[in-house]
């Protein structure tokens, strides 16, 4: 926004200091006049025998007072200018850092030294903001690159199959159609997951009262056939756990967690336990599954987009797009909650979601 040029803060502070000193000097002179000179006899003609007198004191005191006032004014301006410069030096560093960040460089940090004061607090908050912005931008760039790579794969497969069908009319069309259908389904699933992830990150949804226990039962009922197919025991326990949010997004969150627990379980005969409960002002959802032992360094990356956990057991019927737990993290963050992933000592994973509770 274009604004007309005005006085700098440093000059305003300097003028303020000088004005304060001038007013203080004027008040001092007024006090001297009111409480000293008014009680001295006046002798404007300089008659002998009356000494001291007001006439002599005024003519002697007034020039010295004028010189003192000028000195106070100059001293206030110079001293105020120097003091304002020293006080505003941290603000200049913060302004330079803001300009550097505005030019596209988010790696710069102020790292102001010294004791804690308002400028130090502002500097630390600005450094923290730059750090979060840099991390967010890097995450978005990495996500965009991964999304482009993931979308390119099914599209390239579709193009190859279409080229084969065009160049070889005698080829079995049923097989080509089936493979095209699979590639197209994967592209659609990935696009829907990206849109859902973006919606969760924006947080623009209507909030309503939701019971996580009912959401868990609905998700478990949907995934029960997949669990029975692999002979995995799927158990939903616990009590009511109400929170405020989007029922659709929370259902997707719980469905992704349960599906992840079923898919990455033991080949056969594993267990998945879903438990909901209210802990004070917090609604808690826990999803625990058996499986292979997971190294902590792998668990720390599972919520990153397109991290499929290659060391975990996978099945052909669910190739996945690598966004399941990333969507869970996005939905939890949009609902002002926390997400914890802890590897079980015996193998498998324990996922705990904590959301603000409602009566």
Protein backbone atom coordinates (compact mmCIF):
# COMPACT_ATOMS: atom_id res chain seq x y z
CA UNK A 1 0.00 0.00 0.00
CA UNK A 2 1.40 3.41 -1.00
CA UNK A 3 1.52 5.98 1.79
CA UNK A 4 2.78 9.54 1.92
CA UNK A 5 6.23 9.89 3.52
CA UNK A 6 6.22 11.02 7.13
CA UNK A 7 8.53 11.46 10.07
CA UNK A 8 10.55 8.45 11.10
CA UNK A 9 10.01 6.85 14.47
CA UNK A 10 13.54 7.78 15.46
CA UNK A 11 12.90 11.47 14.72
CA UNK A 12 9.57 11.35 16.54
CA UNK A 13 11.25 9.88 19.62
CA UNK A 14 14.04 12.49 19.45
CA UNK A 15 11.49 15.32 19.22
CA UNK A 16 9.56 13.78 22.09
CA UNK A 17 12.67 13.64 24.30
CA UNK A 18 13.60 17.24 23.41
CA UNK A 19 10.05 18.45 24.01
CA UNK A 20 9.95 16.69 27.36
CA UNK A 21 13.19 18.34 28.46
CA UNK A 22 11.97 21.74 27.24
CA UNK A 23 8.70 21.41 29.13
CA UNK A 24 10.55 20.25 32.23
CA UNK A 25 12.87 23.27 31.98
CA UNK A 26 9.96 25.66 31.50
CA UNK A 27 8.19 24.23 34.53
CA UNK A 28 11.37 24.63 36.57
CA UNK A 29 11.65 28.28 35.56
CA UNK A 30 7.99 28.82 36.38
CA UNK A 31 8.51 27.32 39.81
CA UNK A 32 11.51 29.59 40.37
CA UNK A 33 9.45 32.65 39.36
CA UNK A 34 6.41 31.76 41.42
CA UNK A 35 8.17 30.72 44.62
CA UNK A 36 11.28 32.89 44.61
CA UNK A 37 11.19 36.03 42.49
CA UNK A 38 7.62 37.02 43.43
CA UNK A 39 8.70 37.55 47.05
CA UNK A 40 11.68 39.73 46.20
CA UNK A 41 10.97 43.50 46.33
CA UNK A 42 10.84 45.25 43.00
CA UNK A 43 13.19 48.21 42.32
CA UNK A 44 13.00 49.04 38.62
CA UNK A 45 14.84 52.38 39.10
CA UNK A 46 17.73 50.77 40.86
CA UNK A 47 17.32 52.75 44.14
CA UNK A 48 20.04 52.23 46.71
CA UNK A 49 19.32 50.55 49.94
CA UNK A 50 17.11 47.81 48.51
CA UNK A 51 19.31 44.86 47.64
CA UNK A 52 18.70 42.31 46.29
CA UNK A 53 15.71 43.34 44.22
CA UNK A 54 13.52 41.67 41.58
CA UNK A 55 14.64 43.94 38.77
CA UNK A 56 18.28 42.91 39.10
CA UNK A 57 17.47 39.24 39.58
CA UNK A 58 15.20 39.09 36.51
CA UNK A 59 17.68 40.84 34.23
CA UNK A 60 20.46 38.59 35.50
CA UNK A 61 18.45 35.34 35.56
CA UNK A 62 16.51 35.68 32.28
CA UNK A 63 19.49 35.48 29.83
CA UNK A 64 20.94 32.52 31.73
CA UNK A 65 17.54 30.80 31.71
CA UNK A 66 17.21 31.36 27.95
CA UNK A 67 20.65 29.87 27.35
CA UNK A 68 19.74 26.91 29.58
CA UNK A 69 16.51 26.33 27.64
CA UNK A 70 18.34 26.36 24.31
CA UNK A 71 20.91 23.95 25.72
CA UNK A 72 18.17 21.64 27.00
CA UNK A 73 16.47 21.68 23.62
CA UNK A 74 19.68 20.91 21.68
CA UNK A 75 20.77 18.35 24.25
CA UNK A 76 17.35 16.70 24.08
CA UNK A 77 17.43 16.51 20.28
CA UNK A 78 20.96 15.11 20.06
CA UNK A 79 20.62 12.80 23.03
CA UNK A 80 17.17 11.69 21.96
CA UNK A 81 18.41 10.94 18.45
CA UNK A 82 21.26 8.79 19.81
CA UNK A 83 19.10 7.02 22.37
CA UNK A 84 16.31 6.39 19.86
CA UNK A 85 18.84 4.95 17.43
CA UNK A 86 20.17 2.54 20.05
CA UNK A 87 16.67 1.55 21.17
CA UNK A 88 15.39 1.03 17.63
CA UNK A 89 18.42 -0.88 16.36
CA UNK A 90 16.75 -4.27 17.02
CA UNK A 91 13.71 -3.11 15.08
CA UNK A 92 15.95 -2.29 12.13
CA UNK A 93 17.34 -5.83 12.18
CA UNK A 94 13.82 -7.25 12.26
CA UNK A 95 12.82 -5.03 9.33
CA UNK A 96 15.85 -6.18 7.31
CA UNK A 97 14.96 -9.81 8.07
CA UNK A 98 11.38 -9.20 6.95
CA UNK A 99 12.60 -7.71 3.66
CA UNK A 100 14.91 -10.69 3.16
CA UNK A 101 12.02 -13.09 3.78
CA UNK A 102 9.82 -11.07 1.43
CA UNK A 103 12.36 -11.55 -1.34
CA UNK A 104 11.95 -15.32 -1.06
CA UNK A 105 14.77 -16.28 1.32
CA UNK A 106 13.26 -17.97 4.39
CA UNK A 107 16.53 -19.38 5.76
CA UNK A 108 17.61 -16.07 7.34
CA UNK A 109 17.30 -15.80 11.14
CA UNK A 110 17.72 -12.77 13.39
CA UNK A 111 18.98 -14.63 16.48
CA UNK A 112 19.02 -11.47 18.59
CA UNK A 113 21.24 -11.62 21.66
CA UNK A 114 20.83 -9.91 24.99
CA UNK A 115 18.30 -9.96 27.77
CA UNK A 116 14.62 -10.64 27.29
CA UNK A 117 12.60 -7.55 26.37
CA UNK A 118 9.85 -6.59 23.92
CA UNK A 119 12.19 -6.47 20.92
CA UNK A 120 13.83 -9.78 21.89
CA UNK A 121 10.38 -11.36 22.21
CA UNK A 122 9.36 -9.99 18.80
CA UNK A 123 12.62 -11.25 17.29
CA UNK A 124 12.16 -14.76 18.70
CA UNK A 125 8.55 -14.86 17.48
CA UNK A 126 9.69 -13.72 14.01
CA UNK A 127 12.41 -16.40 13.90
CA UNK A 128 9.87 -19.02 14.93
CA UNK A 129 7.50 -17.83 12.21
CA UNK A 130 10.25 -17.98 9.58
CA UNK A 131 11.17 -21.49 10.70
CA UNK A 132 7.57 -22.67 10.41
CA UNK A 133 7.15 -20.98 7.03
CA UNK A 134 10.35 -22.54 5.70
CA UNK A 135 9.26 -25.97 6.91
CA UNK A 136 5.77 -25.52 5.44
CA UNK A 137 7.07 -24.34 2.07
CA UNK A 138 9.57 -27.20 1.91
CA UNK A 139 6.81 -29.65 2.79
CA UNK A 140 4.52 -28.23 0.11
CA UNK A 141 7.26 -28.38 -2.51
CA UNK A 142 8.09 -31.94 -1.56
CA UNK A 143 4.41 -32.85 -1.60
CA UNK A 144 3.87 -31.27 -5.03
CA UNK A 145 6.86 -33.15 -6.44
CA UNK A 146 5.66 -36.44 -4.98
CA UNK A 147 2.08 -35.87 -6.16
CA UNK A 148 3.30 -35.15 -9.68
CA UNK A 149 5.39 -38.31 -9.64
CA UNK A 150 2.54 -40.43 -8.30
CA UNK A 151 0.01 -39.09 -10.81
CA UNK A 152 2.43 -39.51 -13.69
CA UNK A 153 2.71 -43.27 -13.12
CA UNK A 154 -0.94 -44.28 -13.78
CA UNK A 155 -1.19 -41.77 -16.63
CA UNK A 156 1.93 -43.18 -18.25
CA UNK A 157 0.55 -46.71 -17.88
CA UNK A 158 -2.73 -45.66 -19.50
CA UNK A 159 -0.89 -44.03 -22.40
CA UNK A 160 1.22 -47.15 -22.93
CA UNK A 161 -1.84 -49.41 -22.94
CA UNK A 162 -3.62 -47.15 -25.39
CA UNK A 163 -0.57 -47.15 -27.67
CA UNK A 164 -0.51 -50.97 -27.53
CA UNK A 165 -4.21 -51.19 -28.39
CA UNK A 166 -3.77 -48.80 -31.31
CA UNK A 167 -0.69 -50.53 -32.74
CA UNK A 168 -1.89 -54.10 -32.17
CA UNK A 169 -5.60 -54.48 -33.04
CA UNK A 170 -5.38 -58.25 -32.57
CA UNK A 171 -4.43 -57.98 -28.87
CA UNK A 172 -6.95 -59.16 -26.26
CA UNK A 173 -9.04 -56.06 -25.54
CA UNK A 174 -10.44 -57.53 -22.32
CA UNK A 175 -7.01 -57.57 -20.70
CA UNK A 176 -6.25 -54.03 -21.88
CA UNK A 177 -9.56 -52.71 -20.57
CA UNK A 178 -8.97 -54.36 -17.20
CA UNK A 179 -5.49 -52.87 -16.88
CA UNK A 180 -6.78 -49.46 -18.01
CA UNK A 181 -9.52 -49.69 -15.43
CA UNK A 182 -6.98 -50.47 -12.70
CA UNK A 183 -4.71 -47.58 -13.70
CA UNK A 184 -7.64 -45.19 -13.97
CA UNK A 185 -8.99 -46.25 -10.58
CA UNK A 186 -5.62 -45.63 -9.01
CA UNK A 187 -5.43 -42.14 -10.55
CA UNK A 188 -8.94 -41.34 -9.29
CA UNK A 189 -8.15 -42.62 -5.79
CA UNK A 190 -5.00 -40.56 -5.68
CA UNK A 191 -6.80 -37.42 -6.88
CA UNK A 192 -9.56 -37.85 -4.31
CA UNK A 193 -6.97 -38.36 -1.57
CA UNK A 194 -5.13 -35.21 -2.62
CA UNK A 195 -8.37 -33.20 -2.58
CA UNK A 196 -9.27 -34.58 0.84
CA UNK A 197 -5.81 -33.78 2.16
CA UNK A 198 -6.08 -30.23 0.83
CA UNK A 199 -9.51 -29.82 2.41
CA UNK A 200 -8.20 -30.98 5.76
CA UNK A 201 -5.23 -28.61 5.58
CA UNK A 202 -7.51 -25.64 4.85
CA UNK A 203 -9.86 -26.48 7.71
CA UNK A 204 -12.88 -24.89 5.97
CA UNK A 205 -15.65 -27.21 7.11
CA UNK A 206 -18.80 -26.94 9.18
CA UNK A 207 -18.44 -28.17 12.74
CA UNK A 208 -21.02 -30.30 14.47
CA UNK A 209 -21.14 -32.55 17.52
CA UNK A 210 -19.70 -35.97 16.64
CA UNK A 211 -19.38 -39.14 18.75
CA UNK A 212 -16.13 -40.92 17.95
CA UNK A 213 -17.53 -44.22 19.25
CA UNK A 214 -20.26 -44.20 16.58
CA UNK A 215 -17.73 -43.20 13.94
CA UNK A 216 -15.48 -46.10 15.01
CA UNK A 217 -18.34 -48.58 14.79
CA UNK A 218 -19.26 -47.36 11.29
CA UNK A 219 -15.66 -47.62 10.08
CA UNK A 220 -15.25 -51.09 11.58
CA UNK A 221 -18.48 -52.28 9.96
CA UNK A 222 -17.25 -51.06 6.58
CA UNK A 223 -13.88 -52.81 6.90
CA UNK A 224 -15.14 -55.98 8.60
CA UNK A 225 -15.25 -58.01 5.32
CA UNK A 226 -11.59 -57.18 4.62
CA UNK A 227 -10.64 -58.16 8.17
CA UNK A 228 -12.60 -61.44 8.00
CA UNK A 229 -10.98 -62.28 4.68
CA UNK A 230 -7.60 -62.27 6.39
CA UNK A 231 -8.98 -63.78 9.61
CA UNK A 232 -8.13 -60.65 11.61
CA UNK A 233 -10.14 -60.03 14.78
CA UNK A 234 -11.57 -56.50 14.66
CA UNK A 235 -12.82 -55.30 18.05
CA UNK A 236 -14.42 -51.91 18.88
CA UNK A 237 -14.68 -51.08 22.59
CA UNK A 238 -14.98 -48.08 24.88
CA UNK A 239 -17.57 -45.45 25.59
CA UNK A 240 -18.85 -42.25 24.12
CA UNK A 241 -16.25 -39.66 23.12
CA UNK A 242 -17.84 -36.54 21.73
CA UNK A 243 -15.99 -33.83 19.86
CA UNK A 244 -16.79 -30.97 17.51
CA UNK A 245 -15.87 -31.23 13.85
CA UNK A 246 -16.73 -32.62 10.44
CA UNK A 247 -18.37 -36.03 10.63
CA UNK A 248 -17.21 -36.82 7.08
CA UNK A 249 -13.56 -35.98 7.74
CA UNK A 250 -13.53 -37.75 11.09
CA UNK A 251 -15.05 -40.84 9.48
CA UNK A 252 -12.32 -40.80 6.84
CA UNK A 253 -9.71 -40.39 9.58
CA UNK A 254 -10.96 -43.40 11.56
CA UNK A 255 -11.47 -45.46 8.38
CA UNK A 256 -7.90 -44.79 7.29
CA UNK A 257 -6.56 -45.80 10.70
CA UNK A 258 -8.55 -49.04 10.82
CA UNK A 259 -7.75 -49.85 7.20
CA UNK A 260 -4.08 -49.20 7.86
CA UNK A 261 -4.25 -51.51 10.90
CA UNK A 262 -5.90 -54.27 8.87
CA UNK A 263 -3.68 -54.04 5.80
CA UNK A 264 -0.39 -53.80 7.70
CA UNK A 265 -1.20 -56.61 10.13
CA UNK A 266 -0.02 -60.19 10.26
CA UNK A 267 -0.66 -62.27 7.13
CA UNK A 268 -3.45 -64.11 8.98
CA UNK A 269 -4.79 -64.28 12.51
CA UNK A 270 -3.88 -60.80 13.72
CA UNK A 271 -5.93 -58.43 15.86
CA UNK A 272 -7.10 -54.84 15.56
CA UNK A 273 -8.52 -53.05 18.60
CA UNK A 274 -10.32 -49.73 18.36
CA UNK A 275 -11.09 -48.00 21.66
CA UNK A 276 -12.79 -44.67 22.37
CA UNK A 277 -13.06 -42.89 25.69
CA UNK A 278 -13.35 -39.46 27.27
CA UNK A 279 -10.47 -38.28 29.43
CA UNK A 280 -11.52 -35.06 31.13
CA UNK A 281 -11.97 -32.43 28.42
CA UNK A 282 -10.38 -34.65 25.77
CA UNK A 283 -11.89 -37.32 23.52
CA UNK A 284 -9.45 -40.13 22.81
CA UNK A 285 -9.37 -42.68 19.99
CA UNK A 286 -6.85 -45.53 20.09
CA UNK A 287 -6.25 -47.96 17.23
CA UNK A 288 -3.88 -50.82 18.01
CA UNK A 289 -2.84 -53.65 15.72
CA UNK A 290 -0.48 -56.60 15.69
CA UNK A 291 2.21 -57.02 13.06
CA UNK A 292 5.93 -56.95 12.56
CA UNK A 293 8.19 -54.89 14.76
CA UNK A 294 8.65 -51.38 13.46
CA UNK A 295 11.83 -49.34 13.97
CA UNK A 296 11.15 -45.92 15.57
CA UNK A 297 12.82 -44.09 12.67
CA UNK A 298 10.29 -45.65 10.27
CA UNK A 299 7.32 -44.77 12.48
CA UNK A 300 8.42 -41.13 12.56
CA UNK A 301 7.99 -40.89 8.76
CA UNK A 302 4.67 -42.70 8.36
CA UNK A 303 2.56 -39.54 8.48
CA UNK A 304 4.54 -37.94 5.66
CA UNK A 305 2.75 -37.93 2.28
CA UNK A 306 3.56 -40.91 0.02
CA UNK A 307 5.39 -42.77 2.80
CA UNK A 308 4.02 -46.29 2.43
CA UNK A 309 6.19 -48.02 4.99
CA UNK A 310 8.02 -50.36 2.63
CA UNK A 311 9.23 -52.54 5.48
CA UNK A 312 5.68 -53.39 6.47
CA UNK A 313 3.53 -56.18 5.11
CA UNK A 314 1.56 -55.25 2.04
CA UNK A 315 -1.18 -56.99 0.11
CA UNK A 316 -1.98 -56.98 -3.57
CA UNK A 317 -5.60 -56.02 -3.04
CA UNK A 318 -4.63 -52.71 -1.43
CA UNK A 319 -1.69 -51.05 -3.10
CA UNK A 320 -2.52 -47.71 -1.50
CA UNK A 321 -1.45 -44.24 -2.55
CA UNK A 322 0.70 -43.40 0.47
CA UNK A 323 -1.64 -40.73 1.82
CA UNK A 324 -3.62 -42.62 4.45
CA UNK A 325 -1.78 -41.48 7.57
CA UNK A 326 -0.99 -38.10 5.99
CA UNK A 327 -4.74 -37.52 5.69
CA UNK A 328 -5.17 -38.66 9.30
CA UNK A 329 -2.58 -36.14 10.45
CA UNK A 330 -4.20 -33.38 8.40
CA UNK A 331 -7.68 -34.10 9.77
CA UNK A 332 -6.41 -34.26 13.36
CA UNK A 333 -4.55 -30.98 12.95
CA UNK A 334 -7.62 -29.32 11.41
CA UNK A 335 -9.63 -30.38 14.48
CA UNK A 336 -7.02 -28.94 16.90
CA UNK A 337 -5.99 -32.39 18.08
CA UNK A 338 -2.82 -34.42 18.51
CA UNK A 339 -1.65 -37.62 16.82
CA UNK A 340 0.80 -40.08 18.39
CA UNK A 341 2.24 -43.20 16.71
CA UNK A 342 4.08 -45.65 18.95
CA UNK A 343 5.50 -49.01 17.84
CA UNK A 344 4.37 -51.91 20.02
CA UNK A 345 7.18 -53.91 21.66
CA UNK A 346 5.61 -57.16 20.45
CA UNK A 347 5.13 -55.80 16.94
CA UNK A 348 2.53 -53.63 15.28
CA UNK A 349 1.49 -50.07 15.95
CA UNK A 350 -0.50 -48.08 18.50
CA UNK A 351 -2.09 -44.88 17.17
CA UNK A 352 -3.61 -42.41 19.64
CA UNK A 353 -5.75 -39.47 18.54
CA UNK A 354 -6.73 -36.82 21.07
CA UNK A 355 -9.36 -34.25 20.15
CA UNK A 356 -11.00 -31.47 22.18
CA UNK A 357 -14.07 -32.91 23.86
CA UNK A 358 -17.56 -31.47 24.06
CA UNK A 359 -20.30 -32.14 26.62
